[in-house]
């Protein structure tokens, strides 16, 4: 649909939901409905009859799957940024494809900058696959309210690196958990401090030098804006999409 005025439902109306509301209205869209954790009755609201184009879901891992199933039943396009429910997410993707009446874009992080960072790391890791002297480690820092560790974004970065370095890496692990990790496991150190929005670093170390790539978010605005841009992209489409599809769409313009 791309920048036509959208009617949007916000599922989850905490700090991120309020930021999404501000960004969406700033881009000319209409917030038709907001649903927070205590608003279960809102799922039966007559506002769902207002031809809502897309729902943006930022909640908790324990309810993300059921929220998205409800949205799928309503035939609404879904943008979800909730992390920590990977098994159910794969099932949801299959259901979206089988039903063919809606669309889904899930991302561990909707920030355009983070997704550029993912692409940079993918390319660097591909080079490092052929340069044996560098060992790769990861470090991430988030606010104390974040429940999952490592972050969903850190896991996505790690999975991309592992895919790009198949002869060197086959897994990742959370550093400091006590279990001895294999030499082919990528260590991720997770910190929870204050109100830090998010810092992710990937370091390649050798005996003679070190290369560090870092993305630091200054606030939630980048995440919210990326999610709204994703909503603009998938509204009116059918299927399962990723942020790579969105980045490629930018290149095609």
C-alpha atoms as a PDB file:
ATOM      1  CA  UNK A   1       0.000   0.000   0.000  1.00  0.00           C
ATOM      2  CA  UNK A   2       2.950   2.304   0.748  1.00  0.00           C
ATOM      3  CA  UNK A   3       2.064   5.592   2.455  1.00  0.00           C
ATOM      4  CA  UNK A   4      -1.661   5.636   1.759  1.00  0.00           C
ATOM      5  CA  UNK A   5      -3.563   6.475   4.903  1.00  0.00           C
ATOM      6  CA  UNK A   6      -3.974   3.318   6.994  1.00  0.00           C
ATOM      7  CA  UNK A   7      -6.429   2.366   9.698  1.00  0.00           C
ATOM      8  CA  UNK A   8      -4.268   0.734  12.362  1.00  0.00           C
ATOM      9  CA  UNK A   9      -4.935  -1.297  15.505  1.00  0.00           C
ATOM     10  CA  UNK A  10      -2.235  -1.305  18.182  1.00  0.00           C
ATOM     11  CA  UNK A  11      -1.986  -4.544  20.159  1.00  0.00           C
ATOM     12  CA  UNK A  12      -0.009  -3.705  23.296  1.00  0.00           C
ATOM     13  CA  UNK A  13      -0.224  -0.146  24.549  1.00  0.00           C
ATOM     14  CA  UNK A  14       2.738   0.335  26.833  1.00  0.00           C
ATOM     15  CA  UNK A  15       5.668   2.610  26.137  1.00  0.00           C
ATOM     16  CA  UNK A  16       6.213   1.112  22.693  1.00  0.00           C
ATOM     17  CA  UNK A  17       2.513   1.297  21.868  1.00  0.00           C
ATOM     18  CA  UNK A  18       2.388   4.980  22.750  1.00  0.00           C
ATOM     19  CA  UNK A  19       5.448   5.642  20.589  1.00  0.00           C
ATOM     20  CA  UNK A  20       3.848   3.728  17.688  1.00  0.00           C
ATOM     21  CA  UNK A  21       0.712   5.841  18.103  1.00  0.00           C
ATOM     22  CA  UNK A  22       2.716   9.060  17.847  1.00  0.00           C
ATOM     23  CA  UNK A  23       4.800   7.921  14.868  1.00  0.00           C
ATOM     24  CA  UNK A  24       1.814   6.488  12.955  1.00  0.00           C
ATOM     25  CA  UNK A  25      -0.264   9.642  13.330  1.00  0.00           C
ATOM     26  CA  UNK A  26       2.784  11.712  12.397  1.00  0.00           C
ATOM     27  CA  UNK A  27       2.940   9.763   9.136  1.00  0.00           C
ATOM     28  CA  UNK A  28      -0.723  10.491   8.427  1.00  0.00           C
ATOM     29  CA  UNK A  29      -2.327   7.253   9.613  1.00  0.00           C
ATOM     30  CA  UNK A  30      -5.345   6.713  11.862  1.00  0.00           C
ATOM     31  CA  UNK A  31      -5.192   4.665  15.079  1.00  0.00           C
ATOM     32  CA  UNK A  32      -8.632   3.060  15.182  1.00  0.00           C
ATOM     33  CA  UNK A  33      -8.185   0.770  18.190  1.00  0.00           C
ATOM     34  CA  UNK A  34      -5.716   0.104  21.004  1.00  0.00           C
ATOM     35  CA  UNK A  35      -5.679  -3.090  23.079  1.00  0.00           C
ATOM     36  CA  UNK A  36      -3.646  -3.520  26.245  1.00  0.00           C
ATOM     37  CA  UNK A  37      -3.232  -6.614  28.405  1.00  0.00           C
ATOM     38  CA  UNK A  38      -6.295  -5.832  30.527  1.00  0.00           C
ATOM     39  CA  UNK A  39      -8.547  -5.029  27.559  1.00  0.00           C
ATOM     40  CA  UNK A  40      -9.636  -8.495  26.482  1.00  0.00           C
ATOM     41  CA  UNK A  41     -13.171  -7.265  25.743  1.00  0.00           C
ATOM     42  CA  UNK A  42     -11.717  -4.953  23.077  1.00  0.00           C
ATOM     43  CA  UNK A  43     -11.243  -7.996  20.831  1.00  0.00           C
ATOM     44  CA  UNK A  44     -15.029  -7.937  20.384  1.00  0.00           C
ATOM     45  CA  UNK A  45     -15.192  -4.195  19.789  1.00  0.00           C
ATOM     46  CA  UNK A  46     -17.363  -2.976  16.887  1.00  0.00           C
ATOM     47  CA  UNK A  47     -14.328  -0.925  15.852  1.00  0.00           C
ATOM     48  CA  UNK A  48     -13.035  -4.084  14.137  1.00  0.00           C
ATOM     49  CA  UNK A  49     -15.745  -3.423  11.559  1.00  0.00           C
ATOM     50  CA  UNK A  50     -13.976  -0.186  10.580  1.00  0.00           C
ATOM     51  CA  UNK A  51     -11.973  -1.987   7.870  1.00  0.00           C
ATOM     52  CA  UNK A  52      -8.742  -1.966   9.857  1.00  0.00           C
ATOM     53  CA  UNK A  53      -5.864  -2.378   7.414  1.00  0.00           C
ATOM     54  CA  UNK A  54      -3.129  -3.603   9.722  1.00  0.00           C
ATOM     55  CA  UNK A  55      -2.433  -4.405  13.373  1.00  0.00           C
ATOM     56  CA  UNK A  56       0.931  -3.738  15.002  1.00  0.00           C
ATOM     57  CA  UNK A  57       1.596  -6.170  17.847  1.00  0.00           C
ATOM     58  CA  UNK A  58       4.198  -5.487  20.559  1.00  0.00           C
ATOM     59  CA  UNK A  59       3.277  -7.480  23.664  1.00  0.00           C
ATOM     60  CA  UNK A  60       4.775 -10.435  25.569  1.00  0.00           C
ATOM     61  CA  UNK A  61       5.946 -13.881  24.361  1.00  0.00           C
ATOM     62  CA  UNK A  62       3.210 -15.622  26.390  1.00  0.00           C
ATOM     63  CA  UNK A  63       0.389 -13.920  24.476  1.00  0.00           C
ATOM     64  CA  UNK A  64       1.891 -13.012  21.087  1.00  0.00           C
ATOM     65  CA  UNK A  65       0.788 -16.233  19.369  1.00  0.00           C
ATOM     66  CA  UNK A  66      -2.817 -16.042  20.570  1.00  0.00           C
ATOM     67  CA  UNK A  67      -2.954 -12.334  19.683  1.00  0.00           C
ATOM     68  CA  UNK A  68      -1.757 -13.013  16.154  1.00  0.00           C
ATOM     69  CA  UNK A  69      -4.182 -15.919  15.701  1.00  0.00           C
ATOM     70  CA  UNK A  70      -7.026 -13.586  16.639  1.00  0.00           C
ATOM     71  CA  UNK A  71      -5.788 -11.051  14.109  1.00  0.00           C
ATOM     72  CA  UNK A  72      -5.485 -13.733  11.455  1.00  0.00           C
ATOM     73  CA  UNK A  73      -9.094 -14.776  12.093  1.00  0.00           C
ATOM     74  CA  UNK A  74     -10.104 -11.161  11.472  1.00  0.00           C
ATOM     75  CA  UNK A  75      -8.181 -11.095   8.192  1.00  0.00           C
ATOM     76  CA  UNK A  76      -6.002  -8.190   9.335  1.00  0.00           C
ATOM     77  CA  UNK A  77      -2.415  -7.741   8.160  1.00  0.00           C
ATOM     78  CA  UNK A  78      -0.029  -8.301  11.081  1.00  0.00           C
ATOM     79  CA  UNK A  79       3.209  -6.566  12.036  1.00  0.00           C
ATOM     80  CA  UNK A  80       4.698  -8.222  15.133  1.00  0.00           C
ATOM     81  CA  UNK A  81       7.803  -7.210  17.030  1.00  0.00           C
ATOM     82  CA  UNK A  82       7.363  -9.482  20.044  1.00  0.00           C
ATOM     83  CA  UNK A  83      10.348 -11.793  20.582  1.00  0.00           C
ATOM     84  CA  UNK A  84      10.795 -15.055  22.486  1.00  0.00           C
ATOM     85  CA  UNK A  85       8.113 -17.252  20.828  1.00  0.00           C
ATOM     86  CA  UNK A  86      10.022 -18.805  17.930  1.00  0.00           C
ATOM     87  CA  UNK A  87       8.236 -22.207  17.910  1.00  0.00           C
ATOM     88  CA  UNK A  88       4.733 -20.721  17.734  1.00  0.00           C
ATOM     89  CA  UNK A  89       5.904 -18.125  15.223  1.00  0.00           C
ATOM     90  CA  UNK A  90       6.784 -20.800  12.682  1.00  0.00           C
ATOM     91  CA  UNK A  91       3.310 -22.290  13.059  1.00  0.00           C
ATOM     92  CA  UNK A  92       1.741 -18.847  12.574  1.00  0.00           C
ATOM     93  CA  UNK A  93       3.717 -18.297   9.369  1.00  0.00           C
ATOM     94  CA  UNK A  94       2.403 -21.589   7.968  1.00  0.00           C
ATOM     95  CA  UNK A  95      -1.171 -20.656   8.858  1.00  0.00           C
ATOM     96  CA  UNK A  96      -0.840 -17.260   7.156  1.00  0.00           C
ATOM     97  CA  UNK A  97       0.423 -18.945   3.991  1.00  0.00           C
ATOM     98  CA  UNK A  98      -2.229 -21.679   4.076  1.00  0.00           C
ATOM     99  CA  UNK A  99      -5.149 -19.289   4.551  1.00  0.00           C
ATOM    100  CA  UNK A 100      -3.952 -16.764   1.984  1.00  0.00           C
ATOM    101  CA  UNK A 101      -6.184 -13.973   3.292  1.00  0.00           C
ATOM    102  CA  UNK A 102      -3.706 -11.825   5.176  1.00  0.00           C
ATOM    103  CA  UNK A 103      -0.053 -10.935   5.579  1.00  0.00           C
ATOM    104  CA  UNK A 104       2.545 -11.124   8.315  1.00  0.00           C
ATOM    105  CA  UNK A 105       5.830  -9.413   8.953  1.00  0.00           C
ATOM    106  CA  UNK A 106       7.689 -10.396  12.101  1.00  0.00           C
ATOM    107  CA  UNK A 107      11.081  -8.985  12.992  1.00  0.00           C
ATOM    108  CA  UNK A 108      13.197  -9.146  16.105  1.00  0.00           C
ATOM    109  CA  UNK A 109      13.925  -5.472  15.458  1.00  0.00           C
ATOM    110  CA  UNK A 110      12.160  -3.127  13.026  1.00  0.00           C
ATOM    111  CA  UNK A 111      14.758  -0.373  13.166  1.00  0.00           C
ATOM    112  CA  UNK A 112      15.990   0.391   9.656  1.00  0.00           C
ATOM    113  CA  UNK A 113      19.452   1.042  11.115  1.00  0.00           C
ATOM    114  CA  UNK A 114      19.506  -2.333  12.865  1.00  0.00           C
ATOM    115  CA  UNK A 115      18.524  -4.101   9.661  1.00  0.00           C
ATOM    116  CA  UNK A 116      21.301  -2.342   7.780  1.00  0.00           C
ATOM    117  CA  UNK A 117      23.586  -3.470  10.634  1.00  0.00           C
ATOM    118  CA  UNK A 118      22.366  -7.058  10.103  1.00  0.00           C
ATOM    119  CA  UNK A 119      23.264  -6.864   6.420  1.00  0.00           C
ATOM    120  CA  UNK A 120      26.717  -5.409   7.183  1.00  0.00           C
ATOM    121  CA  UNK A 121      27.397  -8.211   9.680  1.00  0.00           C
ATOM    122  CA  UNK A 122      26.238 -10.840   7.224  1.00  0.00           C
ATOM    123  CA  UNK A 123      28.726  -9.582   4.663  1.00  0.00           C
ATOM    124  CA  UNK A 124      31.616  -9.219   7.128  1.00  0.00           C
ATOM    125  CA  UNK A 125      30.986 -12.722   8.505  1.00  0.00           C
ATOM    126  CA  UNK A 126      31.079 -14.067   4.949  1.00  0.00           C
ATOM    127  CA  UNK A 127      34.551 -12.594   4.561  1.00  0.00           C
ATOM    128  CA  UNK A 128      35.669 -13.890   7.955  1.00  0.00           C
ATOM    129  CA  UNK A 129      34.641 -17.419   6.965  1.00  0.00           C
ATOM    130  CA  UNK A 130      37.808 -17.461   4.837  1.00  0.00           C
ATOM    131  CA  UNK A 131      40.113 -15.695   7.328  1.00  0.00           C
ATOM    132  CA  UNK A 132      40.946 -18.199  10.033  1.00  0.00           C
ATOM    133  CA  UNK A 133      42.728 -16.078  12.638  1.00  0.00           C
ATOM    134  CA  UNK A 134      39.672 -14.139  13.886  1.00  0.00           C
ATOM    135  CA  UNK A 135      37.418 -15.281  16.707  1.00  0.00           C
ATOM    136  CA  UNK A 136      33.937 -13.774  16.844  1.00  0.00           C
ATOM    137  CA  UNK A 137      32.057 -12.761  20.012  1.00  0.00           C
ATOM    138  CA  UNK A 138      28.900 -10.752  20.659  1.00  0.00           C
ATOM    139  CA  UNK A 139      27.765  -8.372  23.381  1.00  0.00           C
ATOM    140  CA  UNK A 140      24.346  -6.792  23.915  1.00  0.00           C
ATOM    141  CA  UNK A 141      22.954  -4.343  26.483  1.00  0.00           C
ATOM    142  CA  UNK A 142      19.297  -3.489  27.154  1.00  0.00           C
ATOM    143  CA  UNK A 143      17.141  -1.890  29.843  1.00  0.00           C
ATOM    144  CA  UNK A 144      16.309  -3.794  33.017  1.00  0.00           C
ATOM    145  CA  UNK A 145      12.670  -4.291  31.948  1.00  0.00           C
ATOM    146  CA  UNK A 146      13.602  -6.557  29.039  1.00  0.00           C
ATOM    147  CA  UNK A 147      12.630 -10.118  29.935  1.00  0.00           C
ATOM    148  CA  UNK A 148      14.494 -12.215  27.370  1.00  0.00           C
ATOM    149  CA  UNK A 149      18.268 -12.653  27.191  1.00  0.00           C
ATOM    150  CA  UNK A 150      19.943 -12.628  24.799  1.00  0.00           C
ATOM    151  CA  UNK A 151      17.719 -10.210  22.928  1.00  0.00           C
ATOM    152  CA  UNK A 152      15.814 -11.313  19.846  1.00  0.00           C
ATOM    153  CA  UNK A 153      17.946  -8.933  17.807  1.00  0.00           C
ATOM    154  CA  UNK A 154      21.143 -10.510  19.167  1.00  0.00           C
ATOM    155  CA  UNK A 155      19.843 -13.959  18.241  1.00  0.00           C
ATOM    156  CA  UNK A 156      19.026 -12.781  14.717  1.00  0.00           C
ATOM    157  CA  UNK A 157      22.510 -11.280  14.332  1.00  0.00           C
ATOM    158  CA  UNK A 158      24.064 -14.506  15.655  1.00  0.00           C
ATOM    159  CA  UNK A 159      22.026 -16.707  13.318  1.00  0.00           C
ATOM    160  CA  UNK A 160      23.061 -14.591  10.329  1.00  0.00           C
ATOM    161  CA  UNK A 161      26.722 -14.838  11.334  1.00  0.00           C
ATOM    162  CA  UNK A 162      26.477 -18.611  11.821  1.00  0.00           C
ATOM    163  CA  UNK A 163      24.880 -19.019   8.394  1.00  0.00           C
ATOM    164  CA  UNK A 164      27.705 -16.981   6.877  1.00  0.00           C
ATOM    165  CA  UNK A 165      30.455 -18.916   8.697  1.00  0.00           C
ATOM    166  CA  UNK A 166      29.304 -22.565   8.432  1.00  0.00           C
ATOM    167  CA  UNK A 167      32.789 -24.067   8.696  1.00  0.00           C
ATOM    168  CA  UNK A 168      33.588 -22.043  11.810  1.00  0.00           C
ATOM    169  CA  UNK A 169      30.293 -21.867  13.732  1.00  0.00           C
ATOM    170  CA  UNK A 170      27.288 -24.120  14.234  1.00  0.00           C
ATOM    171  CA  UNK A 171      25.488 -22.599  17.246  1.00  0.00           C
ATOM    172  CA  UNK A 172      25.370 -19.740  19.747  1.00  0.00           C
ATOM    173  CA  UNK A 173      25.222 -19.722  23.546  1.00  0.00           C
ATOM    174  CA  UNK A 174      24.575 -17.228  26.333  1.00  0.00           C
ATOM    175  CA  UNK A 175      27.919 -16.545  27.967  1.00  0.00           C
ATOM    176  CA  UNK A 176      28.172 -17.219  31.689  1.00  0.00           C
ATOM    177  CA  UNK A 177      25.440 -19.859  31.910  1.00  0.00           C
ATOM    178  CA  UNK A 178      27.919 -22.377  33.252  1.00  0.00           C
ATOM    179  CA  UNK A 179      27.759 -25.054  30.579  1.00  0.00           C
ATOM    180  CA  UNK A 180      30.929 -25.550  28.587  1.00  0.00           C
ATOM    181  CA  UNK A 181      30.369 -24.409  25.008  1.00  0.00           C
ATOM    182  CA  UNK A 182      32.083 -25.915  21.977  1.00  0.00           C
ATOM    183  CA  UNK A 183      34.680 -24.036  19.962  1.00  0.00           C
ATOM    184  CA  UNK A 184      32.078 -23.705  17.196  1.00  0.00           C
ATOM    185  CA  UNK A 185      29.555 -21.921  19.418  1.00  0.00           C
ATOM    186  CA  UNK A 186      29.254 -18.127  19.235  1.00  0.00           C
ATOM    187  CA  UNK A 187      29.200 -16.571  22.741  1.00  0.00           C
ATOM    188  CA  UNK A 188      26.714 -13.777  23.438  1.00  0.00           C
ATOM    189  CA  UNK A 189      27.145 -11.690  26.590  1.00  0.00           C
ATOM    190  CA  UNK A 190      23.910 -10.010  27.729  1.00  0.00           C
ATOM    191  CA  UNK A 191      23.718  -7.011  30.083  1.00  0.00           C
ATOM    192  CA  UNK A 192      20.576  -5.479  31.626  1.00  0.00           C
ATOM    193  CA  UNK A 193      21.253  -1.917  32.788  1.00  0.00           C
ATOM    194  CA  UNK A 194      19.100   1.118  33.563  1.00  0.00           C
ATOM    195  CA  UNK A 195      16.957   2.327  30.654  1.00  0.00           C
ATOM    196  CA  UNK A 196      19.332   1.470  27.781  1.00  0.00           C
ATOM    197  CA  UNK A 197      17.202   1.128  24.580  1.00  0.00           C
ATOM    198  CA  UNK A 198      19.636  -1.292  22.958  1.00  0.00           C
ATOM    199  CA  UNK A 199      23.309  -1.722  22.077  1.00  0.00           C
ATOM    200  CA  UNK A 200      24.592  -4.633  19.976  1.00  0.00           C
ATOM    201  CA  UNK A 201      28.271  -5.247  19.231  1.00  0.00           C
ATOM    202  CA  UNK A 202      30.033  -7.916  17.200  1.00  0.00           C
ATOM    203  CA  UNK A 203      33.787  -8.256  17.729  1.00  0.00           C
ATOM    204  CA  UNK A 204      36.317 -10.122  15.598  1.00  0.00           C
ATOM    205  CA  UNK A 205      39.583 -10.615  17.522  1.00  0.00           C
ATOM    206  CA  UNK A 206      42.964 -11.943  16.454  1.00  0.00           C
ATOM    207  CA  UNK A 207      46.410 -11.954  18.070  1.00  0.00           C
ATOM    208  CA  UNK A 208      47.280  -8.688  16.325  1.00  0.00           C
ATOM    209  CA  UNK A 209      44.090  -6.644  16.090  1.00  0.00           C
ATOM    210  CA  UNK A 210      40.386  -6.328  16.763  1.00  0.00           C
ATOM    211  CA  UNK A 211      37.415  -5.260  14.628  1.00  0.00           C
ATOM    212  CA  UNK A 212      34.207  -4.202  16.380  1.00  0.00           C
ATOM    213  CA  UNK A 213      30.901  -3.364  14.724  1.00  0.00           C
ATOM    214  CA  UNK A 214      28.330  -1.649  16.962  1.00  0.00           C
ATOM    215  CA  UNK A 215      24.783  -0.404  16.632  1.00  0.00           C
ATOM    216  CA  UNK A 216      23.424   1.793  19.424  1.00  0.00           C
ATOM    217  CA  UNK A 217      19.801   2.923  19.591  1.00  0.00           C
ATOM    218  CA  UNK A 218      19.175   6.306  21.206  1.00  0.00           C
ATOM    219  CA  UNK A 219      15.517   5.582  21.913  1.00  0.00           C
ATOM    220  CA  UNK A 220      12.432   3.674  20.755  1.00  0.00           C
ATOM    221  CA  UNK A 221      11.679   6.023  17.874  1.00  0.00           C
ATOM    222  CA  UNK A 222      13.704   3.996  15.356  1.00  0.00           C
ATOM    223  CA  UNK A 223      11.931   0.753  16.289  1.00  0.00           C
ATOM    224  CA  UNK A 224       8.498   2.410  16.098  1.00  0.00           C
ATOM    225  CA  UNK A 225       9.125   4.165  12.804  1.00  0.00           C
ATOM    226  CA  UNK A 226      10.394   0.957  11.215  1.00  0.00           C
ATOM    227  CA  UNK A 227       7.300  -0.940  12.389  1.00  0.00           C
ATOM    228  CA  UNK A 228       4.991   1.689  10.895  1.00  0.00           C
ATOM    229  CA  UNK A 229       6.935   1.629   7.611  1.00  0.00           C
ATOM    230  CA  UNK A 230       6.569  -2.176   7.660  1.00  0.00           C
ATOM    231  CA  UNK A 231       2.808  -1.739   8.148  1.00  0.00           C
ATOM    232  CA  UNK A 232       2.715   0.554   5.121  1.00  0.00           C
ATOM    233  CA  UNK A 233       4.524  -2.112   3.114  1.00  0.00           C
ATOM    234  CA  UNK A 234       2.415  -5.189   3.985  1.00  0.00           C
ATOM    235  CA  UNK A 235      -1.041  -3.567   4.036  1.00  0.00           C
ATOM    236  CA  UNK A 236      -2.954  -4.903   1.055  1.00  0.00           C
ATOM    237  CA  UNK A 237      -0.449  -7.699   0.412  1.00  0.00           C
ATOM    238  CA  UNK A 238      -0.756 -11.413   1.131  1.00  0.00           C
ATOM    239  CA  UNK A 239       1.941 -13.716   2.474  1.00  0.00           C
ATOM    240  CA  UNK A 240       4.838 -13.718   4.918  1.00  0.00           C
ATOM    241  CA  UNK A 241       7.409 -10.964   4.624  1.00  0.00           C
ATOM    242  CA  UNK A 242      10.692  -9.983   6.269  1.00  0.00           C
ATOM    243  CA  UNK A 243      12.622  -6.765   6.717  1.00  0.00           C
ATOM    244  CA  UNK A 244      14.825  -7.902   3.832  1.00  0.00           C
ATOM    245  CA  UNK A 245      11.762  -7.623   1.594  1.00  0.00           C
ATOM    246  CA  UNK A 246      11.285  -4.074   2.842  1.00  0.00           C
ATOM    247  CA  UNK A 247      14.943  -3.135   2.296  1.00  0.00           C
ATOM    248  CA  UNK A 248      14.815  -4.590  -1.216  1.00  0.00           C
ATOM    249  CA  UNK A 249      11.644  -2.569  -1.830  1.00  0.00           C
ATOM    250  CA  UNK A 250      13.597   0.585  -0.979  1.00  0.00           C
ATOM    251  CA  UNK A 251      16.259  -0.394  -3.526  1.00  0.00           C
ATOM    252  CA  UNK A 252      13.633  -0.892  -6.229  1.00  0.00           C
ATOM    253  CA  UNK A 253      12.273   2.640  -5.863  1.00  0.00           C
END
